[in-house]
């Protein structure tokens, strides 16, 4: 993963929770649940981190107990019209942040209008930017 993200987590370990990565077998189960094969970025994130929580931001994933907020939220919003190629990576109530499993672009989904606004073209950079921005507002 992104070296800067790892450094940020290490430098802020008192304020950031990382649940810890999950196995390839569990990742395969999550893929099966959603009916798709994750891109490399999502697989690496789940394998290395599981879930990241800090400064009021939660990047969805799967905890060591096998419960997957990523699958739960993706299934929930698919029922409300989210297309199958999207994976929900963050729910901030007002906005749903999604990873496009076809091209790796992160977008903000408006559940009323059913439209996407591009937020980032790099998953790792998106996580770091969200955490840094949240920390700046937290302090």
C-alpha atoms as a PDB file:
ATOM      1  CA  UNK A   1       0.000   0.000   0.000  1.00  0.00           C
ATOM      2  CA  UNK A   2       0.909   3.630  -0.065  1.00  0.00           C
ATOM      3  CA  UNK A   3       3.981   4.322   2.041  1.00  0.00           C
ATOM      4  CA  UNK A   4       2.574   7.704   3.072  1.00  0.00           C
ATOM      5  CA  UNK A   5      -0.618   6.074   4.349  1.00  0.00           C
ATOM      6  CA  UNK A   6       1.349   3.587   6.420  1.00  0.00           C
ATOM      7  CA  UNK A   7       3.481   6.398   7.854  1.00  0.00           C
ATOM      8  CA  UNK A   8       0.370   8.444   8.648  1.00  0.00           C
ATOM      9  CA  UNK A   9      -1.184   5.510  10.488  1.00  0.00           C
ATOM     10  CA  UNK A  10       2.025   4.874  12.434  1.00  0.00           C
ATOM     11  CA  UNK A  11       2.396   8.546  13.363  1.00  0.00           C
ATOM     12  CA  UNK A  12      -1.217   8.733  14.550  1.00  0.00           C
ATOM     13  CA  UNK A  13      -1.666   5.292  16.073  1.00  0.00           C
ATOM     14  CA  UNK A  14      -3.226   6.715  19.236  1.00  0.00           C
ATOM     15  CA  UNK A  15      -6.103   8.111  17.169  1.00  0.00           C
ATOM     16  CA  UNK A  16      -6.467   5.539  14.383  1.00  0.00           C
ATOM     17  CA  UNK A  17      -7.853   2.032  14.677  1.00  0.00           C
ATOM     18  CA  UNK A  18      -6.848  -0.604  12.144  1.00  0.00           C
ATOM     19  CA  UNK A  19      -8.698  -3.864  12.670  1.00  0.00           C
ATOM     20  CA  UNK A  20      -6.027  -5.876  10.887  1.00  0.00           C
ATOM     21  CA  UNK A  21      -6.078  -7.651   7.590  1.00  0.00           C
ATOM     22  CA  UNK A  22      -8.157 -10.626   6.587  1.00  0.00           C
ATOM     23  CA  UNK A  23      -7.223 -13.798   4.735  1.00  0.00           C
ATOM     24  CA  UNK A  24      -7.465 -14.402   1.002  1.00  0.00           C
ATOM     25  CA  UNK A  25     -10.122 -17.005   1.763  1.00  0.00           C
ATOM     26  CA  UNK A  26     -12.288 -14.416   3.546  1.00  0.00           C
ATOM     27  CA  UNK A  27     -11.710 -11.917   0.725  1.00  0.00           C
ATOM     28  CA  UNK A  28     -12.931 -14.562  -1.724  1.00  0.00           C
ATOM     29  CA  UNK A  29     -16.068 -15.001   0.416  1.00  0.00           C
ATOM     30  CA  UNK A  30     -16.726 -11.243   0.268  1.00  0.00           C
ATOM     31  CA  UNK A  31     -16.297 -11.268  -3.509  1.00  0.00           C
ATOM     32  CA  UNK A  32     -18.766 -14.114  -3.767  1.00  0.00           C
ATOM     33  CA  UNK A  33     -21.267 -12.227  -1.599  1.00  0.00           C
ATOM     34  CA  UNK A  34     -21.128  -9.243  -3.952  1.00  0.00           C
ATOM     35  CA  UNK A  35     -20.883 -11.260  -7.167  1.00  0.00           C
ATOM     36  CA  UNK A  36     -17.651  -9.702  -8.376  1.00  0.00           C
ATOM     37  CA  UNK A  37     -13.885 -10.045  -8.218  1.00  0.00           C
ATOM     38  CA  UNK A  38     -12.207  -7.172  -6.370  1.00  0.00           C
ATOM     39  CA  UNK A  39      -9.556  -5.107  -8.066  1.00  0.00           C
ATOM     40  CA  UNK A  40      -6.055  -5.308  -6.646  1.00  0.00           C
ATOM     41  CA  UNK A  41      -6.483  -2.102  -4.600  1.00  0.00           C
ATOM     42  CA  UNK A  42      -9.427  -3.422  -2.599  1.00  0.00           C
ATOM     43  CA  UNK A  43      -7.827  -6.843  -2.081  1.00  0.00           C
ATOM     44  CA  UNK A  44      -4.625  -5.230  -0.770  1.00  0.00           C
ATOM     45  CA  UNK A  45      -6.554  -2.890   1.523  1.00  0.00           C
ATOM     46  CA  UNK A  46      -8.600  -5.732   3.018  1.00  0.00           C
ATOM     47  CA  UNK A  47      -5.551  -7.955   3.336  1.00  0.00           C
ATOM     48  CA  UNK A  48      -3.402  -5.304   5.021  1.00  0.00           C
ATOM     49  CA  UNK A  49      -5.853  -3.198   7.025  1.00  0.00           C
ATOM     50  CA  UNK A  50      -9.325  -4.741   7.216  1.00  0.00           C
ATOM     51  CA  UNK A  51     -10.982  -1.494   8.343  1.00  0.00           C
ATOM     52  CA  UNK A  52      -9.457   1.897   9.139  1.00  0.00           C
ATOM     53  CA  UNK A  53     -11.171   4.252  11.591  1.00  0.00           C
ATOM     54  CA  UNK A  54      -9.817   7.604  12.685  1.00  0.00           C
ATOM     55  CA  UNK A  55     -10.824  11.211  13.313  1.00  0.00           C
ATOM     56  CA  UNK A  56     -14.480  10.438  12.658  1.00  0.00           C
ATOM     57  CA  UNK A  57     -13.800   8.708   9.325  1.00  0.00           C
ATOM     58  CA  UNK A  58     -14.350   5.003   8.727  1.00  0.00           C
ATOM     59  CA  UNK A  59     -13.071   3.361   5.573  1.00  0.00           C
ATOM     60  CA  UNK A  60     -15.279   0.293   5.301  1.00  0.00           C
ATOM     61  CA  UNK A  61     -13.889  -3.199   5.028  1.00  0.00           C
ATOM     62  CA  UNK A  62     -14.014  -6.378   7.070  1.00  0.00           C
ATOM     63  CA  UNK A  63     -13.091  -6.942  10.689  1.00  0.00           C
ATOM     64  CA  UNK A  64     -11.304  -9.925  12.172  1.00  0.00           C
ATOM     65  CA  UNK A  65     -14.672 -11.290  13.310  1.00  0.00           C
ATOM     66  CA  UNK A  66     -15.659 -11.725   9.662  1.00  0.00           C
ATOM     67  CA  UNK A  67     -18.326  -9.021   9.712  1.00  0.00           C
ATOM     68  CA  UNK A  68     -18.002  -6.903   6.590  1.00  0.00           C
ATOM     69  CA  UNK A  69     -19.269  -3.338   6.670  1.00  0.00           C
ATOM     70  CA  UNK A  70     -18.155  -3.066   3.043  1.00  0.00           C
ATOM     71  CA  UNK A  71     -20.473  -5.891   1.934  1.00  0.00           C
ATOM     72  CA  UNK A  72     -23.343  -4.795   4.197  1.00  0.00           C
ATOM     73  CA  UNK A  73     -23.339  -1.188   2.965  1.00  0.00           C
ATOM     74  CA  UNK A  74     -22.810  -2.161  -0.680  1.00  0.00           C
ATOM     75  CA  UNK A  75     -25.762  -4.558  -0.570  1.00  0.00           C
ATOM     76  CA  UNK A  76     -27.873  -1.928   1.203  1.00  0.00           C
ATOM     77  CA  UNK A  77     -27.249   0.736  -1.421  1.00  0.00           C
ATOM     78  CA  UNK A  78     -27.582  -1.645  -4.352  1.00  0.00           C
ATOM     79  CA  UNK A  79     -31.192  -2.055  -3.204  1.00  0.00           C
ATOM     80  CA  UNK A  80     -31.513   1.744  -3.515  1.00  0.00           C
ATOM     81  CA  UNK A  81     -30.139   1.867  -7.059  1.00  0.00           C
ATOM     82  CA  UNK A  82     -26.342   1.713  -6.783  1.00  0.00           C
ATOM     83  CA  UNK A  83     -24.928  -0.084  -9.833  1.00  0.00           C
ATOM     84  CA  UNK A  84     -23.247  -3.458  -9.333  1.00  0.00           C
ATOM     85  CA  UNK A  85     -19.754  -2.268 -10.324  1.00  0.00           C
ATOM     86  CA  UNK A  86     -19.593   0.015  -7.281  1.00  0.00           C
ATOM     87  CA  UNK A  87     -18.366  -0.968  -3.820  1.00  0.00           C
ATOM     88  CA  UNK A  88     -19.302   1.288  -0.897  1.00  0.00           C
ATOM     89  CA  UNK A  89     -16.122   2.265   0.954  1.00  0.00           C
ATOM     90  CA  UNK A  90     -17.476   5.050   3.150  1.00  0.00           C
ATOM     91  CA  UNK A  91     -20.891   6.168   4.335  1.00  0.00           C
ATOM     92  CA  UNK A  92     -20.929   9.668   5.756  1.00  0.00           C
ATOM     93  CA  UNK A  93     -24.744   9.712   5.914  1.00  0.00           C
ATOM     94  CA  UNK A  94     -25.127  12.618   3.490  1.00  0.00           C
ATOM     95  CA  UNK A  95     -22.848  11.069   0.871  1.00  0.00           C
ATOM     96  CA  UNK A  96     -21.929   7.542  -0.080  1.00  0.00           C
ATOM     97  CA  UNK A  97     -18.360   7.123  -1.302  1.00  0.00           C
ATOM     98  CA  UNK A  98     -17.904   4.332  -3.801  1.00  0.00           C
ATOM     99  CA  UNK A  99     -15.051   2.507  -5.478  1.00  0.00           C
ATOM    100  CA  UNK A 100     -15.728   1.669  -9.128  1.00  0.00           C
ATOM    101  CA  UNK A 101     -14.515  -1.897  -9.436  1.00  0.00           C
ATOM    102  CA  UNK A 102     -14.156  -1.511 -13.224  1.00  0.00           C
ATOM    103  CA  UNK A 103     -11.803   1.477 -13.352  1.00  0.00           C
ATOM    104  CA  UNK A 104     -10.697   2.167  -9.751  1.00  0.00           C
ATOM    105  CA  UNK A 105     -12.251   5.638  -9.574  1.00  0.00           C
ATOM    106  CA  UNK A 106     -13.705   6.796  -6.266  1.00  0.00           C
ATOM    107  CA  UNK A 107     -16.903   8.797  -6.515  1.00  0.00           C
ATOM    108  CA  UNK A 108     -19.448  10.389  -4.255  1.00  0.00           C
ATOM    109  CA  UNK A 109     -22.895   8.965  -4.958  1.00  0.00           C
ATOM    110  CA  UNK A 110     -25.999  11.048  -4.572  1.00  0.00           C
ATOM    111  CA  UNK A 111     -28.657   8.513  -3.662  1.00  0.00           C
ATOM    112  CA  UNK A 112     -31.494  10.892  -4.559  1.00  0.00           C
ATOM    113  CA  UNK A 113     -30.254  11.867  -8.014  1.00  0.00           C
ATOM    114  CA  UNK A 114     -28.463   8.514  -8.582  1.00  0.00           C
ATOM    115  CA  UNK A 115     -25.423  10.379  -9.902  1.00  0.00           C
ATOM    116  CA  UNK A 116     -21.698  10.088  -9.210  1.00  0.00           C
ATOM    117  CA  UNK A 117     -19.227  12.925  -8.677  1.00  0.00           C
ATOM    118  CA  UNK A 118     -15.618  11.839  -9.128  1.00  0.00           C
ATOM    119  CA  UNK A 119     -13.612  12.289  -5.948  1.00  0.00           C
ATOM    120  CA  UNK A 120     -10.300  10.552  -6.746  1.00  0.00           C
ATOM    121  CA  UNK A 121      -8.711   8.224  -9.262  1.00  0.00           C
ATOM    122  CA  UNK A 122      -6.498   6.535  -6.657  1.00  0.00           C
ATOM    123  CA  UNK A 123      -7.893   4.485  -3.766  1.00  0.00           C
ATOM    124  CA  UNK A 124      -4.846   4.759  -1.540  1.00  0.00           C
ATOM    125  CA  UNK A 125      -4.564   8.506  -2.093  1.00  0.00           C
ATOM    126  CA  UNK A 126      -8.281   8.878  -1.333  1.00  0.00           C
ATOM    127  CA  UNK A 127      -7.872   7.143   2.050  1.00  0.00           C
ATOM    128  CA  UNK A 128      -4.872   9.271   2.979  1.00  0.00           C
ATOM    129  CA  UNK A 129      -6.547  12.513   1.883  1.00  0.00           C
ATOM    130  CA  UNK A 130      -9.705  11.708   3.874  1.00  0.00           C
ATOM    131  CA  UNK A 131      -7.692  10.906   6.996  1.00  0.00           C
ATOM    132  CA  UNK A 132      -5.460  13.989   6.719  1.00  0.00           C
ATOM    133  CA  UNK A 133      -8.449  16.289   6.122  1.00  0.00           C
ATOM    134  CA  UNK A 134     -10.329  14.737   9.044  1.00  0.00           C
ATOM    135  CA  UNK A 135      -7.305  15.127  11.322  1.00  0.00           C
ATOM    136  CA  UNK A 136      -6.953  18.795  10.341  1.00  0.00           C
ATOM    137  CA  UNK A 137     -10.603  19.405  11.235  1.00  0.00           C
ATOM    138  CA  UNK A 138     -10.271  17.327  14.430  1.00  0.00           C
ATOM    139  CA  UNK A 139      -7.314  19.332  15.760  1.00  0.00           C
END
